[in-house]
Amino acid sequence: MRHSCAMALLPYTLIEPSGAMSPLVVDSPHSGRIYPVDFAYTCPLHILRQAEDAFVDEAVTGAANAGATILMAEFPRSMIDVNRAENDIDPNALDGVWPEPLNPDELTRAGFGLVRRMCRSGIAIYRTNLTVAEVLRRLDIYYRPYHQCLRSLVKARLKKFGACILLDVHSMPDRVENNSVREDFVLGDLDGASCDPALTRQAQKILRDMGYRVALNFPYKGREIVQRYGLTGHGANALQVEINRKLYLDEIKIEKHKGMEKLREDMTAFFEAMMNFINAANGKLAAE
């Protein structure tokens, strides 16, 4: 059953398990495509939308068959990115002084932090800097409710099963700057810090057995979400899953192509295979 958070701007949508709950939680933090009027961007929308992990939310709906609850952001990541820390802000993006110390990384200083300044094409998103009050408002309305919900889903699994496996699903461009082609999937567990290596290896095996090319931790290791919720050693594990957009998307038009149906079927099978592996572990994951 799918239902939205009961707030005026609906920051997220939940799909509950279709049957019995399992230790799985699946989230799609970057597929939001509702652009509020008060976003106030000035760049062309079709360029801004290149930041979306477009339609990943549709690709993962079958996780409910595996007993997972699915959390999907409705707001665009270009407005505020829940996969960045709250202090991951470029001070040059602000009209004013942030009330606490900031910790921007190199990518953030290039315009791609908690609140983006730039589109992927190099076009500025706004004509002027954002006020501190506006960024704080976005944190309160979108960012913090999303994380509060995700935290509650993880805690519920830990309480019921003693273990939780969060699969944090994204999409990636097919080609990189040197025009080389990426793998079909990239799994990121912060080099083993956010997920039991046995789970990561099993996820890789399942996808490879389906015929996909799968890389580990390169070029994506995972960010804020898997770092925050992947408490390996306490029963919680978090694995980032990057899907190559060529499998289901026309990246220029941002339109699904016929590959979406196969991807959705394969992702459903992937979630069910992961659930079977977790059940076969007989509580080992909870104990480690």
Protein backbone atom coordinates (compact mmCIF):
# COMPACT_ATOMS: atom_id res chain seq x y z
CA MET A 1 0.00 0.00 0.00
CA ARG A 2 1.37 3.41 -0.97
CA HIS A 3 0.67 6.51 1.08
CA SER A 4 2.19 9.98 1.42
CA CYS A 5 3.46 11.82 4.46
CA ALA A 6 0.64 13.97 5.81
CA MET A 7 2.29 17.37 5.27
CA ALA A 8 1.33 20.26 3.03
CA LEU A 9 4.12 19.67 0.52
CA LEU A 10 4.38 15.88 0.88
CA PRO A 11 8.14 15.45 1.25
CA TYR A 12 8.03 11.66 0.87
CA THR A 13 5.90 8.66 -0.02
CA LEU A 14 5.91 5.24 1.65
CA ILE A 15 5.04 1.86 0.19
CA GLU A 16 4.40 -0.70 2.91
CA PRO A 17 5.17 -4.45 2.56
CA SER A 18 2.63 -6.38 0.54
CA GLY A 19 2.87 -9.25 3.05
CA ALA A 20 4.85 -9.95 6.19
CA MET A 21 7.55 -7.44 7.11
CA SER A 22 11.17 -8.45 6.46
CA PRO A 23 14.42 -6.82 7.68
CA LEU A 24 14.67 -4.95 4.37
CA VAL A 25 14.22 -1.19 3.95
CA VAL A 26 14.61 0.39 0.50
CA ASP A 27 14.90 4.11 -0.14
CA SER A 28 15.05 6.27 -3.26
CA PRO A 29 16.24 9.69 -2.09
CA HIS A 30 16.93 11.33 -5.45
CA SER A 31 13.97 10.39 -7.66
CA GLY A 32 11.71 13.24 -6.49
CA ARG A 33 10.20 15.21 -9.35
CA ILE A 34 7.76 17.63 -7.68
CA TYR A 35 9.23 21.12 -8.06
CA PRO A 36 7.54 23.51 -5.60
CA VAL A 37 6.84 27.06 -6.75
CA ASP A 38 8.93 28.44 -3.88
CA PHE A 39 12.00 26.56 -5.15
CA ALA A 40 12.50 29.74 -7.23
CA TYR A 41 15.12 28.35 -9.60
CA THR A 42 15.91 30.46 -12.67
CA CYS A 43 17.62 27.88 -14.91
CA PRO A 44 15.68 25.85 -17.52
CA LEU A 45 13.72 23.01 -15.89
CA HIS A 46 14.86 20.38 -18.40
CA ILE A 47 18.47 21.12 -17.45
CA LEU A 48 17.73 21.14 -13.72
CA ARG A 49 16.03 17.74 -14.03
CA GLN A 50 19.33 16.16 -15.07
CA ALA A 51 20.10 16.01 -11.33
CA GLU A 52 17.26 13.52 -10.77
CA ASP A 53 17.72 9.80 -10.35
CA ALA A 54 14.73 9.74 -12.64
CA PHE A 55 12.15 6.96 -12.12
CA VAL A 56 14.26 4.94 -9.69
CA ASP A 57 11.19 5.00 -7.43
CA GLU A 58 9.30 3.03 -10.10
CA ALA A 59 12.12 0.54 -10.51
CA VAL A 60 12.11 -0.46 -6.82
CA THR A 61 8.40 -0.90 -6.10
CA GLY A 62 8.76 -4.70 -6.20
CA ALA A 63 10.73 -4.55 -2.94
CA ALA A 64 7.36 -4.55 -1.17
CA ASN A 65 6.98 -8.18 -2.33
CA ALA A 66 10.10 -8.97 -0.29
CA GLY A 67 8.64 -7.48 2.89
CA ALA A 68 10.42 -4.14 2.54
CA THR A 69 9.07 -0.72 3.31
CA ILE A 70 10.01 1.67 0.51
CA LEU A 71 10.72 5.35 1.21
CA MET A 72 10.73 7.71 -1.78
CA ALA A 73 11.51 11.43 -1.76
CA GLU A 74 8.99 13.57 -3.63
CA PHE A 75 11.09 16.77 -3.64
CA PRO A 76 14.03 17.20 -6.05
CA ARG A 77 17.56 16.62 -4.85
CA SER A 78 18.61 19.84 -6.59
CA MET A 79 16.57 21.76 -4.00
CA ILE A 80 17.99 19.92 -0.98
CA ASP A 81 19.93 16.66 -0.93
CA VAL A 82 19.19 14.19 1.87
CA ASN A 83 22.35 12.28 0.92
CA ARG A 84 24.52 15.12 2.20
CA ALA A 85 25.26 16.09 5.80
CA GLU A 86 23.50 19.16 7.20
CA ASN A 87 26.79 21.05 7.40
CA ASP A 88 27.85 20.13 3.85
CA ILE A 89 27.16 23.64 2.58
CA ASP A 90 29.31 25.96 0.50
CA PRO A 91 29.37 29.29 2.36
CA ASN A 92 29.62 31.00 -1.04
CA ALA A 93 26.11 29.69 -1.78
CA LEU A 94 24.63 31.64 1.12
CA ASP A 95 23.42 35.21 1.55
CA GLY A 96 24.39 35.42 5.20
CA VAL A 97 26.39 33.50 7.80
CA TRP A 98 25.44 29.95 8.80
CA PRO A 99 24.89 29.68 12.58
CA GLU A 100 27.24 26.69 12.98
CA PRO A 101 30.59 25.57 11.47
CA LEU A 102 30.35 24.24 7.91
CA ASN A 103 32.22 21.31 6.38
CA PRO A 104 31.99 21.49 2.58
CA ASP A 105 33.96 19.03 0.50
CA GLU A 106 35.46 19.62 -2.94
CA LEU A 107 32.29 18.59 -4.77
CA THR A 108 30.21 20.93 -2.62
CA ARG A 109 32.52 23.85 -3.35
CA ALA A 110 32.00 23.08 -7.04
CA GLY A 111 28.27 23.64 -6.54
CA PHE A 112 26.87 20.20 -5.65
CA GLY A 113 26.34 20.09 -1.89
CA LEU A 114 23.37 19.99 0.46
CA VAL A 115 21.89 22.87 -1.54
CA ARG A 116 23.13 22.99 -5.11
CA ARG A 117 24.33 26.14 -6.83
CA MET A 118 24.98 24.59 -10.23
CA CYS A 119 23.40 22.28 -12.78
CA ARG A 120 25.51 19.48 -14.24
CA SER A 121 25.84 21.52 -17.44
CA GLY A 122 27.55 24.36 -15.56
CA ILE A 123 24.52 26.66 -15.57
CA ALA A 124 23.72 28.40 -12.26
CA ILE A 125 20.46 27.34 -10.61
CA TYR A 126 19.73 30.76 -9.06
CA ARG A 127 20.44 34.37 -9.89
CA THR A 128 21.25 35.21 -6.28
CA ASN A 129 22.49 33.32 -3.23
CA LEU A 130 20.05 31.56 -0.93
CA THR A 131 19.26 33.14 2.42
CA VAL A 132 20.15 31.23 5.56
CA ALA A 133 16.46 31.28 6.49
CA GLU A 134 15.52 29.57 3.21
CA VAL A 135 18.03 26.75 3.69
CA LEU A 136 16.85 26.23 7.28
CA ARG A 137 13.26 26.10 6.00
CA ARG A 138 14.15 23.38 3.50
CA LEU A 139 15.87 21.40 6.24
CA ASP A 140 12.76 21.57 8.39
CA ILE A 141 10.21 20.82 5.66
CA TYR A 142 12.03 18.23 3.54
CA TYR A 143 15.38 16.99 4.83
CA ARG A 144 14.67 16.29 8.49
CA PRO A 145 11.25 14.64 7.97
CA TYR A 146 12.83 12.30 5.41
CA HIS A 147 15.60 11.27 7.79
CA GLN A 148 13.20 11.00 10.71
CA CYS A 149 11.09 8.57 8.71
CA LEU A 150 14.09 6.55 7.51
CA ARG A 151 15.46 6.37 11.05
CA SER A 152 12.13 5.07 12.36
CA LEU A 153 12.00 2.37 9.64
CA VAL A 154 15.49 1.15 10.53
CA LYS A 155 14.72 1.17 14.27
CA ALA A 156 11.51 -0.80 13.73
CA ARG A 157 13.44 -3.56 11.93
CA LEU A 158 16.13 -3.64 14.58
CA LYS A 159 13.49 -3.96 17.29
CA LYS A 160 11.57 -6.72 15.49
CA PHE A 161 14.41 -8.74 13.93
CA GLY A 162 17.58 -7.57 15.63
CA ALA A 163 18.83 -6.67 12.13
CA CYS A 164 18.06 -4.24 9.33
CA ILE A 165 19.36 -4.09 5.77
CA LEU A 166 18.89 -0.71 4.11
CA LEU A 167 19.29 -0.65 0.32
CA ASP A 168 19.82 2.96 -0.74
CA VAL A 169 19.04 3.05 -4.47
CA HIS A 170 20.29 5.64 -6.98
CA SER A 171 21.03 5.94 -10.68
CA MET A 172 24.18 7.08 -12.48
CA PRO A 173 25.05 8.43 -15.92
CA ASP A 174 26.21 5.80 -18.40
CA ARG A 175 29.39 7.61 -19.40
CA VAL A 176 32.05 9.50 -17.50
CA GLU A 177 34.08 12.54 -18.55
CA ASN A 178 36.58 10.51 -20.60
CA ASN A 179 33.59 8.92 -22.41
CA SER A 180 34.28 5.47 -20.96
CA VAL A 181 31.24 3.33 -20.18
CA ARG A 182 30.31 2.49 -16.60
CA GLU A 183 29.25 -0.87 -15.21
CA ASP A 184 25.55 -1.73 -15.02
CA PHE A 185 25.55 -1.47 -11.22
CA VAL A 186 27.90 -0.03 -8.62
CA LEU A 187 27.51 -1.20 -5.02
CA GLY A 188 28.89 1.06 -2.30
CA ASP A 189 29.46 0.11 1.34
CA LEU A 190 32.12 2.67 2.30
CA ASP A 191 34.77 0.02 1.72
CA GLY A 192 33.09 -2.36 4.14
CA ALA A 193 32.29 0.20 6.85
CA SER A 194 28.52 0.38 6.32
CA CYS A 195 27.54 -3.18 5.39
CA ASP A 196 28.52 -6.74 6.30
CA PRO A 197 30.88 -7.84 3.49
CA ALA A 198 28.88 -11.07 3.14
CA LEU A 199 25.79 -9.03 2.24
CA THR A 200 27.70 -6.90 -0.24
CA ARG A 201 29.23 -9.95 -1.92
CA GLN A 202 25.83 -11.65 -2.10
CA ALA A 203 24.24 -8.57 -3.68
CA GLN A 204 27.02 -8.53 -6.26
CA LYS A 205 26.60 -12.25 -6.96
CA ILE A 206 22.83 -12.00 -7.42
CA LEU A 207 23.19 -9.19 -9.96
CA ARG A 208 26.07 -10.87 -11.79
CA ASP A 209 24.09 -14.11 -12.03
CA MET A 210 21.42 -12.06 -13.81
CA GLY A 211 24.04 -11.08 -16.38
CA TYR A 212 24.87 -7.59 -15.12
CA ARG A 213 28.34 -6.08 -14.78
CA VAL A 214 28.79 -5.00 -11.16
CA ALA A 215 31.53 -2.89 -9.54
CA LEU A 216 32.22 -2.37 -5.83
CA ASN A 217 32.93 1.02 -4.26
CA PHE A 218 34.13 2.65 -7.47
CA PRO A 219 33.39 5.28 -8.45
CA TYR A 220 30.71 5.47 -5.72
CA LYS A 221 31.39 4.32 -2.15
CA GLY A 222 28.23 5.76 -0.61
CA ARG A 223 27.55 8.99 1.24
CA GLU A 224 25.48 10.36 4.11
CA ILE A 225 22.66 7.81 4.09
CA VAL A 226 24.76 4.65 4.26
CA GLN A 227 27.19 6.32 6.64
CA ARG A 228 24.40 7.40 8.98
CA TYR A 229 22.41 4.14 9.01
CA GLY A 230 25.01 1.50 8.27
CA LEU A 231 26.02 0.64 11.82
CA THR A 232 27.66 -2.70 11.10
CA GLY A 233 28.22 -4.55 14.36
CA HIS A 234 24.89 -3.39 15.79
CA GLY A 235 22.62 -5.32 13.44
CA ALA A 236 22.14 -2.48 10.94
CA ASN A 237 23.64 -2.60 7.46
CA ALA A 238 23.36 -0.12 4.61
CA LEU A 239 24.34 -0.65 1.00
CA GLN A 240 24.19 1.95 -1.77
CA VAL A 241 22.99 0.61 -5.13
CA GLU A 242 23.73 2.67 -8.25
CA ILE A 243 21.88 1.70 -11.44
CA ASN A 244 23.25 2.65 -14.86
CA ARG A 245 20.60 4.83 -16.49
CA LYS A 246 21.20 3.32 -19.91
CA LEU A 247 19.34 0.23 -18.66
CA TYR A 248 16.00 2.05 -18.53
CA LEU A 249 16.28 5.74 -19.43
CA ASP A 250 16.79 8.09 -22.35
CA GLU A 251 19.10 10.47 -20.47
CA ILE A 252 18.63 13.36 -22.89
CA LYS A 253 14.83 13.31 -22.92
CA ILE A 254 14.55 11.99 -19.32
CA GLU A 255 12.04 9.41 -20.55
CA LYS A 256 11.77 5.71 -19.73
CA HIS A 257 12.44 3.29 -22.56
CA LYS A 258 11.42 -0.34 -22.95
CA GLY A 259 14.24 -1.49 -20.67
CA MET A 260 12.34 -0.26 -17.62
CA GLU A 261 10.06 -3.30 -17.55
CA LYS A 262 13.00 -5.72 -17.45
CA LEU A 263 14.83 -3.64 -14.86
CA ARG A 264 11.77 -3.55 -12.61
CA GLU A 265 11.41 -7.33 -12.89
CA ASP A 266 15.09 -7.91 -12.19
CA MET A 267 15.10 -5.51 -9.23
CA THR A 268 12.08 -7.32 -7.78
CA ALA A 269 13.94 -10.62 -8.12
CA PHE A 270 17.03 -9.01 -6.58
CA PHE A 271 15.13 -7.85 -3.50
CA GLU A 272 13.51 -11.27 -3.07
CA ALA A 273 16.89 -13.03 -3.41
CA MET A 274 18.40 -10.69 -0.83
CA MET A 275 15.53 -11.44 1.54
CA ASN A 276 16.05 -15.19 1.08
CA PHE A 277 19.76 -14.83 1.80
CA ILE A 278 19.04 -12.81 4.95
CA ASN A 279 16.51 -15.36 6.16
CA ALA A 280 19.00 -18.18 5.54
CA ALA A 281 21.57 -16.39 7.71
CA ASN A 282 19.52 -17.52 10.75
CA GLY A 283 20.18 -14.44 12.86
CA LYS A 284 23.90 -14.27 12.14
CA LEU A 285 23.65 -10.71 10.82
CA ALA A 286 21.91 -9.56 13.97
CA ALA A 287 24.63 -11.08 16.14
CA GLU A 288 27.65 -9.66 14.31
